[in-house]
Amino acid sequence: MKLLSDQRGMSMIEIMTSVSIIILLANIVLTATVQAKIKTRDTIRIRDLQEVQRVLDIYYQDHGRYPWIDGESGWRGSCADVAWGTPTTDWIPLVIEQGLISYLPQDPLSTQNRCYLYHSNGTDYKVLAYGEDMHDQKFLVFVDPARDGGTQDDVLELDGELEAWSLYTVGARSW
C-alpha cells in the first residue's frame, strides 16, 4: 500500500519542458494573430484603393477629367507628414462635394507615415497606399512600379524593396 507521502511531484526537467512547450505554443499563436491582423489591414487597403478607383472613374465619366485643383502640384494625403504634398482629410478634391462618396477612406493604422496619397494632373491620376506585407502574392499586382526598389520607374521590378501599392492611369505609371 502506497502512502501519499511517497508520491513525488514533477521533476524540474518536466516542469521546464512543460513551460517551454507552453511558451512555444503561445509564440505560434501570437505570430499567427499578428500576421492575420497585417493581412486584414492590407486587404482593407486594397479594397479602399479599389473603391477610390471606382469613384475616380465615375468622376471622369461625369467631367471628362480626374479631380484636380488648378495650379496645385504635388501629392495630397490623409496623413500629417506628406513631405512632398498637402496633408488633408479631403485628399481627393471634389469627390465628396459631388456626392460620389460620403467620406474618403483612411489607412487602417492612420499613423504619421501610413496614409493614402493622391496625385492628378486632370488627365491622369495615381493613388498610393503603403502596405505592411508587400510580398503577399495576392497583392503583387498592385505594387507601384515607381516604388518597387528597382532602377526603372515605369517597369515593375519585384526584386527590390517594395514600398507601395498603387492604382493609376497609364500616363501616371512613373510618378
N, C-alpha and C. Protein backbone atom coordinates (compact mmCIF):
# COMPACT_ATOMS: atom_id res chain seq x y z
N MET A 1 0.84 -1.16 0.00
CA MET A 1 0.00 0.00 0.00
C MET A 1 0.89 1.24 0.00
N LYS A 2 0.64 2.14 -0.96
CA LYS A 2 1.45 3.35 -1.05
C LYS A 2 0.82 4.43 -0.21
N LEU A 3 1.66 5.16 0.42
CA LEU A 3 1.21 6.30 1.20
C LEU A 3 1.30 7.55 0.35
N LEU A 4 0.47 8.52 0.66
CA LEU A 4 0.51 9.76 -0.07
C LEU A 4 1.85 10.45 0.04
N SER A 5 2.52 10.27 1.11
CA SER A 5 3.81 10.92 1.29
C SER A 5 4.87 10.32 0.39
N ASP A 6 4.62 9.13 -0.17
CA ASP A 6 5.59 8.50 -1.06
C ASP A 6 5.48 9.04 -2.50
N GLN A 7 4.38 9.72 -2.85
CA GLN A 7 4.20 10.22 -4.21
C GLN A 7 5.07 11.45 -4.43
N ARG A 8 5.67 11.49 -5.60
CA ARG A 8 6.54 12.61 -5.93
C ARG A 8 5.83 13.56 -6.89
N GLY A 9 6.24 14.83 -6.88
CA GLY A 9 5.73 15.82 -7.84
C GLY A 9 6.52 15.72 -9.13
N MET A 10 6.36 16.73 -9.96
CA MET A 10 7.08 16.76 -11.22
C MET A 10 8.53 17.15 -10.97
N SER A 11 9.40 16.55 -11.74
CA SER A 11 10.82 16.92 -11.61
C SER A 11 11.04 18.28 -12.26
N MET A 12 12.16 18.88 -11.96
CA MET A 12 12.49 20.19 -12.52
C MET A 12 12.56 20.13 -14.04
N ILE A 13 13.07 19.05 -14.59
CA ILE A 13 13.16 18.90 -16.04
C ILE A 13 11.77 18.82 -16.65
N GLU A 14 10.86 18.10 -16.02
CA GLU A 14 9.49 18.01 -16.53
C GLU A 14 8.80 19.38 -16.50
N ILE A 15 9.02 20.12 -15.43
CA ILE A 15 8.42 21.46 -15.31
C ILE A 15 8.98 22.37 -16.40
N MET A 16 10.31 22.35 -16.60
CA MET A 16 10.94 23.20 -17.61
C MET A 16 10.45 22.82 -19.00
N THR A 17 10.29 21.53 -19.27
CA THR A 17 9.80 21.08 -20.56
C THR A 17 8.37 21.55 -20.79
N SER A 18 7.54 21.44 -19.78
CA SER A 18 6.14 21.89 -19.88
C SER A 18 6.06 23.39 -20.14
N VAL A 19 6.83 24.16 -19.40
CA VAL A 19 6.84 25.60 -19.57
C VAL A 19 7.34 25.97 -20.97
N SER A 20 8.37 25.29 -21.45
CA SER A 20 8.91 25.55 -22.78
C SER A 20 7.87 25.28 -23.86
N ILE A 21 7.13 24.20 -23.72
CA ILE A 21 6.08 23.87 -24.69
C ILE A 21 4.98 24.93 -24.67
N ILE A 22 4.59 25.37 -23.50
CA ILE A 22 3.56 26.40 -23.38
C ILE A 22 4.03 27.71 -24.03
N ILE A 23 5.29 28.09 -23.78
CA ILE A 23 5.83 29.31 -24.39
C ILE A 23 5.89 29.18 -25.90
N LEU A 24 6.32 28.04 -26.40
CA LEU A 24 6.38 27.81 -27.84
C LEU A 24 4.99 27.93 -28.47
N LEU A 25 4.01 27.31 -27.87
CA LEU A 25 2.64 27.39 -28.39
C LEU A 25 2.11 28.82 -28.34
N ALA A 26 2.42 29.55 -27.28
CA ALA A 26 1.98 30.94 -27.17
C ALA A 26 2.62 31.79 -28.27
N ASN A 27 3.89 31.55 -28.57
CA ASN A 27 4.56 32.29 -29.64
C ASN A 27 3.95 31.99 -31.00
N ILE A 28 3.61 30.74 -31.24
CA ILE A 28 2.98 30.37 -32.51
C ILE A 28 1.63 31.08 -32.66
N VAL A 29 0.83 31.07 -31.61
CA VAL A 29 -0.48 31.72 -31.65
C VAL A 29 -0.31 33.22 -31.82
N LEU A 30 0.62 33.83 -31.09
CA LEU A 30 0.83 35.27 -31.19
C LEU A 30 1.29 35.67 -32.59
N THR A 31 2.22 34.92 -33.16
CA THR A 31 2.71 35.21 -34.51
C THR A 31 1.57 35.09 -35.53
N ALA A 32 0.78 34.05 -35.40
CA ALA A 32 -0.35 33.87 -36.33
C ALA A 32 -1.35 35.01 -36.19
N THR A 33 -1.59 35.46 -34.97
CA THR A 33 -2.52 36.56 -34.75
C THR A 33 -2.01 37.85 -35.36
N VAL A 34 -0.73 38.15 -35.15
CA VAL A 34 -0.13 39.36 -35.72
C VAL A 34 -0.19 39.31 -37.24
N GLN A 35 0.16 38.18 -37.84
CA GLN A 35 0.12 38.05 -39.30
C GLN A 35 -1.30 38.19 -39.82
N ALA A 36 -2.27 37.66 -39.10
CA ALA A 36 -3.67 37.78 -39.53
C ALA A 36 -4.11 39.24 -39.50
N LYS A 37 -3.68 39.99 -38.48
CA LYS A 37 -4.03 41.41 -38.41
C LYS A 37 -3.40 42.20 -39.57
N ILE A 38 -2.14 41.88 -39.89
CA ILE A 38 -1.47 42.55 -41.01
C ILE A 38 -2.20 42.26 -42.31
N LYS A 39 -2.55 41.00 -42.55
CA LYS A 39 -3.26 40.63 -43.78
C LYS A 39 -4.62 41.34 -43.85
N THR A 40 -5.29 41.45 -42.72
CA THR A 40 -6.58 42.13 -42.69
C THR A 40 -6.42 43.59 -43.05
N ARG A 41 -5.44 44.27 -42.46
CA ARG A 41 -5.22 45.69 -42.78
C ARG A 41 -4.83 45.86 -44.24
N ASP A 42 -3.99 44.97 -44.76
CA ASP A 42 -3.60 45.07 -46.17
C ASP A 42 -4.79 44.83 -47.10
N THR A 43 -5.65 43.91 -46.74
CA THR A 43 -6.86 43.67 -47.53
C THR A 43 -7.76 44.90 -47.53
N ILE A 44 -7.86 45.56 -46.38
CA ILE A 44 -8.64 46.80 -46.29
C ILE A 44 -8.03 47.87 -47.19
N ARG A 45 -6.71 47.97 -47.19
CA ARG A 45 -6.04 48.97 -48.04
C ARG A 45 -6.35 48.74 -49.52
N ILE A 46 -6.26 47.51 -49.96
CA ILE A 46 -6.53 47.20 -51.36
C ILE A 46 -8.00 47.48 -51.68
N ARG A 47 -8.89 47.10 -50.80
CA ARG A 47 -10.32 47.38 -51.01
C ARG A 47 -10.55 48.89 -51.10
N ASP A 48 -9.88 49.66 -50.22
CA ASP A 48 -10.01 51.12 -50.26
C ASP A 48 -9.51 51.68 -51.59
N LEU A 49 -8.37 51.18 -52.06
CA LEU A 49 -7.85 51.64 -53.36
C LEU A 49 -8.85 51.37 -54.47
N GLN A 50 -9.44 50.19 -54.45
CA GLN A 50 -10.40 49.84 -55.49
C GLN A 50 -11.66 50.70 -55.41
N GLU A 51 -12.09 51.03 -54.20
CA GLU A 51 -13.25 51.90 -54.04
C GLU A 51 -12.94 53.30 -54.56
N VAL A 52 -11.75 53.80 -54.26
CA VAL A 52 -11.34 55.12 -54.75
C VAL A 52 -11.25 55.10 -56.27
N GLN A 53 -10.74 54.02 -56.84
CA GLN A 53 -10.67 53.91 -58.30
C GLN A 53 -12.07 53.98 -58.91
N ARG A 54 -13.03 53.32 -58.30
CA ARG A 54 -14.42 53.35 -58.78
C ARG A 54 -14.95 54.79 -58.76
N VAL A 55 -14.70 55.50 -57.66
CA VAL A 55 -15.15 56.89 -57.54
C VAL A 55 -14.49 57.77 -58.59
N LEU A 56 -13.18 57.57 -58.81
CA LEU A 56 -12.47 58.37 -59.81
C LEU A 56 -12.99 58.10 -61.22
N ASP A 57 -13.32 56.85 -61.51
CA ASP A 57 -13.88 56.52 -62.82
C ASP A 57 -15.23 57.21 -63.04
N ILE A 58 -16.06 57.23 -62.01
CA ILE A 58 -17.36 57.91 -62.12
C ILE A 58 -17.16 59.41 -62.31
N TYR A 59 -16.24 59.99 -61.55
CA TYR A 59 -15.95 61.42 -61.70
C TYR A 59 -15.49 61.72 -63.13
N TYR A 60 -14.62 60.86 -63.66
CA TYR A 60 -14.12 61.06 -65.02
C TYR A 60 -15.26 60.98 -66.05
N GLN A 61 -16.16 60.03 -65.87
CA GLN A 61 -17.31 59.91 -66.79
C GLN A 61 -18.18 61.16 -66.76
N ASP A 62 -18.33 61.75 -65.57
CA ASP A 62 -19.18 62.93 -65.42
C ASP A 62 -18.51 64.21 -65.91
N HIS A 63 -17.17 64.32 -65.77
CA HIS A 63 -16.49 65.60 -66.01
C HIS A 63 -15.44 65.56 -67.12
N GLY A 64 -15.12 64.39 -67.63
CA GLY A 64 -14.12 64.29 -68.69
C GLY A 64 -12.69 64.50 -68.22
N ARG A 65 -12.47 64.53 -66.94
CA ARG A 65 -11.13 64.64 -66.34
C ARG A 65 -11.20 64.09 -64.92
N TYR A 66 -10.03 63.90 -64.34
CA TYR A 66 -9.96 63.42 -62.95
C TYR A 66 -9.92 64.60 -62.00
N PRO A 67 -10.35 64.41 -60.75
CA PRO A 67 -10.35 65.53 -59.80
C PRO A 67 -8.96 66.15 -59.68
N TRP A 68 -8.93 67.47 -59.78
CA TRP A 68 -7.68 68.20 -59.74
C TRP A 68 -7.99 69.65 -59.47
N ILE A 69 -7.18 70.27 -58.66
CA ILE A 69 -7.35 71.69 -58.38
C ILE A 69 -6.34 72.44 -59.24
N ASP A 70 -6.82 73.33 -60.10
CA ASP A 70 -5.94 74.09 -60.99
C ASP A 70 -4.82 74.76 -60.21
N GLY A 71 -3.63 74.65 -60.72
CA GLY A 71 -2.49 75.29 -60.09
C GLY A 71 -1.85 74.48 -58.97
N GLU A 72 -2.50 73.44 -58.53
CA GLU A 72 -1.94 72.63 -57.45
C GLU A 72 -1.04 71.56 -58.05
N SER A 73 0.12 71.41 -57.49
CA SER A 73 1.01 70.34 -57.91
C SER A 73 1.41 69.55 -56.66
N GLY A 74 1.88 68.38 -56.85
CA GLY A 74 2.26 67.54 -55.72
C GLY A 74 1.15 66.60 -55.31
N TRP A 75 1.42 65.89 -54.27
CA TRP A 75 0.51 64.86 -53.77
C TRP A 75 -0.36 65.42 -52.67
N ARG A 76 -1.54 64.83 -52.55
CA ARG A 76 -2.44 65.13 -51.42
C ARG A 76 -2.55 63.84 -50.62
N GLY A 77 -2.46 63.96 -49.30
CA GLY A 77 -2.51 62.76 -48.49
C GLY A 77 -3.35 62.92 -47.24
N SER A 78 -3.72 61.77 -46.68
CA SER A 78 -4.55 61.77 -45.49
C SER A 78 -3.71 61.77 -44.21
N CYS A 79 -2.39 61.80 -44.32
CA CYS A 79 -1.55 61.79 -43.12
C CYS A 79 -0.93 63.16 -42.88
N ALA A 80 -0.45 63.35 -41.67
CA ALA A 80 0.11 64.65 -41.29
C ALA A 80 1.48 64.90 -41.92
N ASP A 81 2.17 63.84 -42.31
CA ASP A 81 3.54 64.00 -42.80
C ASP A 81 3.62 63.68 -44.29
N VAL A 82 3.04 64.55 -45.09
CA VAL A 82 3.18 64.41 -46.54
C VAL A 82 4.29 65.37 -46.93
N ALA A 83 5.52 64.86 -46.92
CA ALA A 83 6.69 65.71 -47.14
C ALA A 83 6.66 66.38 -48.50
N TRP A 84 6.02 65.75 -49.47
CA TRP A 84 6.02 66.30 -50.82
C TRP A 84 4.61 66.56 -51.30
N GLY A 85 3.77 67.08 -50.40
CA GLY A 85 2.41 67.38 -50.80
C GLY A 85 1.60 68.03 -49.70
N THR A 86 0.29 67.93 -49.81
CA THR A 86 -0.64 68.60 -48.90
C THR A 86 -1.36 67.59 -48.01
N PRO A 87 -1.22 67.70 -46.67
CA PRO A 87 -1.98 66.81 -45.79
C PRO A 87 -3.43 67.31 -45.64
N THR A 88 -4.38 66.42 -45.83
CA THR A 88 -5.78 66.81 -45.72
C THR A 88 -6.65 65.56 -45.61
N THR A 89 -7.79 65.69 -44.95
CA THR A 89 -8.74 64.57 -44.91
C THR A 89 -9.50 64.48 -46.22
N ASP A 90 -9.55 65.59 -46.95
CA ASP A 90 -10.18 65.63 -48.27
C ASP A 90 -9.09 65.44 -49.32
N TRP A 91 -8.43 64.29 -49.26
CA TRP A 91 -7.22 64.07 -50.05
C TRP A 91 -7.47 63.84 -51.54
N ILE A 92 -8.70 63.64 -51.93
CA ILE A 92 -9.07 63.68 -53.35
C ILE A 92 -10.09 64.81 -53.47
N PRO A 93 -9.71 65.90 -54.11
CA PRO A 93 -10.60 67.06 -54.15
C PRO A 93 -11.89 66.78 -54.92
N LEU A 94 -12.96 67.40 -54.46
CA LEU A 94 -14.23 67.49 -55.17
C LEU A 94 -15.12 66.25 -55.12
N VAL A 95 -14.63 65.08 -54.78
CA VAL A 95 -15.48 63.88 -54.87
C VAL A 95 -16.53 63.82 -53.75
N ILE A 96 -16.21 64.36 -52.58
CA ILE A 96 -17.21 64.39 -51.51
C ILE A 96 -18.28 65.42 -51.84
N GLU A 97 -17.84 66.60 -52.30
CA GLU A 97 -18.78 67.67 -52.67
C GLU A 97 -19.72 67.23 -53.79
N GLN A 98 -19.24 66.39 -54.69
CA GLN A 98 -20.04 65.90 -55.81
C GLN A 98 -20.99 64.77 -55.38
N GLY A 99 -20.85 64.29 -54.15
CA GLY A 99 -21.71 63.23 -53.65
C GLY A 99 -21.33 61.84 -54.15
N LEU A 100 -20.10 61.69 -54.66
CA LEU A 100 -19.68 60.39 -55.18
C LEU A 100 -19.25 59.43 -54.06
N ILE A 101 -18.91 59.97 -52.92
CA ILE A 101 -18.51 59.18 -51.77
C ILE A 101 -18.78 60.04 -50.54
N SER A 102 -19.22 59.40 -49.45
CA SER A 102 -19.56 60.19 -48.26
C SER A 102 -18.33 60.60 -47.46
N TYR A 103 -17.30 59.80 -47.51
CA TYR A 103 -16.03 60.15 -46.85
C TYR A 103 -14.92 59.38 -47.56
N LEU A 104 -13.73 59.94 -47.52
CA LEU A 104 -12.58 59.26 -48.12
C LEU A 104 -11.96 58.34 -47.08
N PRO A 105 -11.61 57.12 -47.49
CA PRO A 105 -11.06 56.16 -46.52
C PRO A 105 -9.72 56.62 -45.96
N GLN A 106 -9.44 56.18 -44.76
CA GLN A 106 -8.16 56.43 -44.10
C GLN A 106 -7.46 55.09 -43.92
N ASP A 107 -6.14 55.10 -43.92
CA ASP A 107 -5.37 53.89 -43.70
C ASP A 107 -5.77 53.27 -42.36
N PRO A 108 -5.88 51.94 -42.28
CA PRO A 108 -6.29 51.28 -41.03
C PRO A 108 -5.40 51.61 -39.84
N LEU A 109 -4.12 51.90 -40.07
CA LEU A 109 -3.24 52.27 -38.96
C LEU A 109 -3.27 53.78 -38.70
N SER A 110 -3.50 54.56 -39.73
CA SER A 110 -3.60 56.02 -39.62
C SER A 110 -2.52 56.62 -38.71
N THR A 111 -1.28 56.32 -39.02
CA THR A 111 -0.17 56.93 -38.30
C THR A 111 0.46 57.99 -39.19
N GLN A 112 1.50 58.61 -38.69
CA GLN A 112 2.12 59.71 -39.41
C GLN A 112 2.62 59.29 -40.79
N ASN A 113 3.12 58.06 -40.92
CA ASN A 113 3.65 57.63 -42.21
C ASN A 113 2.80 56.55 -42.87
N ARG A 114 1.61 56.33 -42.39
CA ARG A 114 0.68 55.38 -43.00
C ARG A 114 -0.55 56.12 -43.46
N CYS A 115 -0.64 56.37 -44.75
CA CYS A 115 -1.80 57.08 -45.27
C CYS A 115 -1.95 56.77 -46.75
N TYR A 116 -3.04 57.25 -47.31
CA TYR A 116 -3.27 57.14 -48.74
C TYR A 116 -2.87 58.47 -49.38
N LEU A 117 -2.32 58.39 -50.58
CA LEU A 117 -1.88 59.59 -51.30
C LEU A 117 -2.51 59.63 -52.69
N TYR A 118 -2.78 60.84 -53.17
CA TYR A 118 -3.41 61.04 -54.47
C TYR A 118 -2.67 62.13 -55.21
N HIS A 119 -2.49 61.91 -56.51
CA HIS A 119 -1.91 62.94 -57.37
C HIS A 119 -2.60 62.85 -58.74
N SER A 120 -2.90 64.02 -59.28
CA SER A 120 -3.54 64.06 -60.60
C SER A 120 -3.16 65.35 -61.30
N ASN A 121 -3.12 65.26 -62.62
CA ASN A 121 -2.97 66.46 -63.44
C ASN A 121 -4.25 66.71 -64.23
N GLY A 122 -5.33 66.01 -63.89
CA GLY A 122 -6.60 66.13 -64.59
C GLY A 122 -6.76 65.08 -65.67
N THR A 123 -5.67 64.75 -66.35
CA THR A 123 -5.69 63.74 -67.41
C THR A 123 -5.41 62.35 -66.86
N ASP A 124 -4.50 62.27 -65.91
CA ASP A 124 -4.10 61.00 -65.29
C ASP A 124 -4.12 61.14 -63.78
N TYR A 125 -4.07 60.01 -63.09
CA TYR A 125 -4.01 60.03 -61.63
C TYR A 125 -3.23 58.82 -61.13
N LYS A 126 -2.80 58.93 -59.88
CA LYS A 126 -2.22 57.80 -59.17
C LYS A 126 -2.64 57.89 -57.70
N VAL A 127 -3.03 56.75 -57.14
CA VAL A 127 -3.37 56.64 -55.73
C VAL A 127 -2.39 55.64 -55.12
N LEU A 128 -1.77 56.02 -54.00
CA LEU A 128 -0.79 55.16 -53.33
C LEU A 128 -1.29 54.72 -51.96
N ALA A 129 -0.88 53.52 -51.58
CA ALA A 129 -1.08 53.01 -50.22
C ALA A 129 0.17 52.24 -49.84
N TYR A 130 0.59 52.40 -48.61
CA TYR A 130 1.79 51.71 -48.13
C TYR A 130 1.36 50.50 -47.32
N GLY A 131 1.61 49.30 -47.87
CA GLY A 131 1.22 48.06 -47.21
C GLY A 131 2.24 47.61 -46.18
N GLU A 132 1.87 46.57 -45.45
CA GLU A 132 2.76 46.02 -44.43
C GLU A 132 3.44 44.74 -44.90
N ASP A 133 2.71 43.89 -45.63
CA ASP A 133 3.27 42.65 -46.16
C ASP A 133 3.33 42.78 -47.68
N MET A 134 4.31 43.51 -48.15
CA MET A 134 4.38 43.87 -49.57
C MET A 134 4.62 42.68 -50.49
N HIS A 135 5.08 41.56 -49.96
CA HIS A 135 5.37 40.41 -50.81
C HIS A 135 4.25 39.37 -50.82
N ASP A 136 3.10 39.70 -50.26
CA ASP A 136 1.95 38.80 -50.31
C ASP A 136 1.57 38.59 -51.77
N GLN A 137 1.57 37.37 -52.23
CA GLN A 137 1.36 37.05 -53.64
C GLN A 137 0.06 37.62 -54.21
N LYS A 138 -1.01 37.65 -53.41
CA LYS A 138 -2.28 38.10 -53.97
C LYS A 138 -2.33 39.61 -54.19
N PHE A 139 -1.36 40.36 -53.62
CA PHE A 139 -1.35 41.81 -53.78
C PHE A 139 -0.25 42.30 -54.72
N LEU A 140 0.57 41.42 -55.28
CA LEU A 140 1.69 41.86 -56.11
C LEU A 140 1.25 42.63 -57.34
N VAL A 141 0.06 42.38 -57.82
CA VAL A 141 -0.45 43.09 -58.99
C VAL A 141 -0.61 44.59 -58.70
N PHE A 142 -0.68 44.96 -57.43
CA PHE A 142 -0.87 46.37 -57.05
C PHE A 142 0.44 47.10 -56.75
N VAL A 143 1.58 46.40 -56.82
CA VAL A 143 2.86 47.04 -56.50
C VAL A 143 3.11 48.21 -57.45
N ASP A 144 3.52 49.34 -56.91
CA ASP A 144 3.76 50.53 -57.70
C ASP A 144 5.13 50.45 -58.37
N PRO A 145 5.18 50.50 -59.71
CA PRO A 145 6.46 50.37 -60.40
C PRO A 145 7.46 51.46 -60.05
N ALA A 146 7.01 52.64 -59.70
CA ALA A 146 7.93 53.73 -59.36
C ALA A 146 8.47 53.58 -57.94
N ARG A 147 7.92 52.66 -57.17
CA ARG A 147 8.34 52.48 -55.77
C ARG A 147 8.60 51.01 -55.45
N ASP A 148 9.14 50.28 -56.42
CA ASP A 148 9.38 48.86 -56.20
C ASP A 148 10.84 48.55 -55.88
N GLY A 149 11.65 49.58 -55.70
CA GLY A 149 13.05 49.37 -55.37
C GLY A 149 13.92 49.09 -56.57
N GLY A 150 13.32 49.07 -57.76
CA GLY A 150 14.08 48.80 -58.99
C GLY A 150 14.71 50.05 -59.55
N THR A 151 15.34 49.89 -60.68
CA THR A 151 16.06 51.01 -61.29
C THR A 151 15.23 51.78 -62.31
N GLN A 152 14.09 51.22 -62.74
CA GLN A 152 13.25 51.88 -63.75
C GLN A 152 11.90 52.23 -63.15
N ASP A 153 11.51 53.50 -63.26
CA ASP A 153 10.27 53.96 -62.65
C ASP A 153 9.02 53.45 -63.36
N ASP A 154 9.13 53.09 -64.62
CA ASP A 154 7.93 52.69 -65.35
C ASP A 154 7.86 51.19 -65.63
N VAL A 155 8.77 50.41 -65.03
CA VAL A 155 8.78 48.96 -65.20
C VAL A 155 8.69 48.29 -63.83
N LEU A 156 7.80 47.33 -63.71
CA LEU A 156 7.65 46.63 -62.44
C LEU A 156 8.79 45.65 -62.25
N GLU A 157 9.60 45.89 -61.22
CA GLU A 157 10.73 45.02 -60.89
C GLU A 157 10.53 44.55 -59.46
N LEU A 158 10.20 43.29 -59.28
CA LEU A 158 9.87 42.79 -57.95
C LEU A 158 11.08 42.29 -57.16
N ASP A 159 12.27 42.59 -57.61
CA ASP A 159 13.45 42.10 -56.92
C ASP A 159 14.00 43.08 -55.89
N GLY A 160 13.48 44.29 -55.82
CA GLY A 160 13.95 45.28 -54.86
C GLY A 160 13.07 45.33 -53.63
N GLU A 161 13.30 46.33 -52.81
CA GLU A 161 12.48 46.56 -51.62
C GLU A 161 11.19 47.24 -52.04
N LEU A 162 10.08 46.54 -51.92
CA LEU A 162 8.79 47.07 -52.34
C LEU A 162 8.30 48.09 -51.32
N GLU A 163 7.84 49.24 -51.80
CA GLU A 163 7.44 50.31 -50.90
C GLU A 163 5.95 50.59 -50.87
N ALA A 164 5.29 50.51 -52.02
CA ALA A 164 3.90 50.96 -52.06
C ALA A 164 3.09 50.20 -53.09
N TRP A 165 1.77 50.20 -52.85
CA TRP A 165 0.82 49.72 -53.84
C TRP A 165 0.21 50.94 -54.51
N SER A 166 -0.29 50.75 -55.71
CA SER A 166 -0.93 51.88 -56.37
C SER A 166 -1.95 51.41 -57.39
N LEU A 167 -2.85 52.31 -57.68
CA LEU A 167 -3.74 52.21 -58.83
C LEU A 167 -3.56 53.50 -59.59
N TYR A 168 -3.48 53.42 -60.92
CA TYR A 168 -3.14 54.60 -61.70
C TYR A 168 -3.58 54.43 -63.14
N THR A 169 -3.62 55.55 -63.83
CA THR A 169 -3.83 55.53 -65.27
C THR A 169 -2.45 55.39 -65.92
N VAL A 170 -2.44 55.00 -67.18
CA VAL A 170 -1.19 54.71 -67.88
C VAL A 170 -0.21 55.88 -67.82
N GLY A 171 -0.70 57.09 -68.02
CA GLY A 171 0.18 58.25 -68.04
C GLY A 171 0.82 58.56 -66.69
N ALA A 172 0.29 58.00 -65.61
CA ALA A 172 0.83 58.27 -64.27
C ALA A 172 1.72 57.13 -63.77
N ARG A 173 1.98 56.17 -64.59
CA ARG A 173 2.74 54.98 -64.15
C ARG A 173 4.06 55.32 -63.48
N SER A 174 4.81 56.27 -63.99
CA SER A 174 6.15 56.55 -63.46
C SER A 174 6.18 57.67 -62.42
N TRP A 175 5.04 58.19 -62.00
CA TRP A 175 5.04 59.26 -60.99
C TRP A 175 5.49 58.74 -59.67
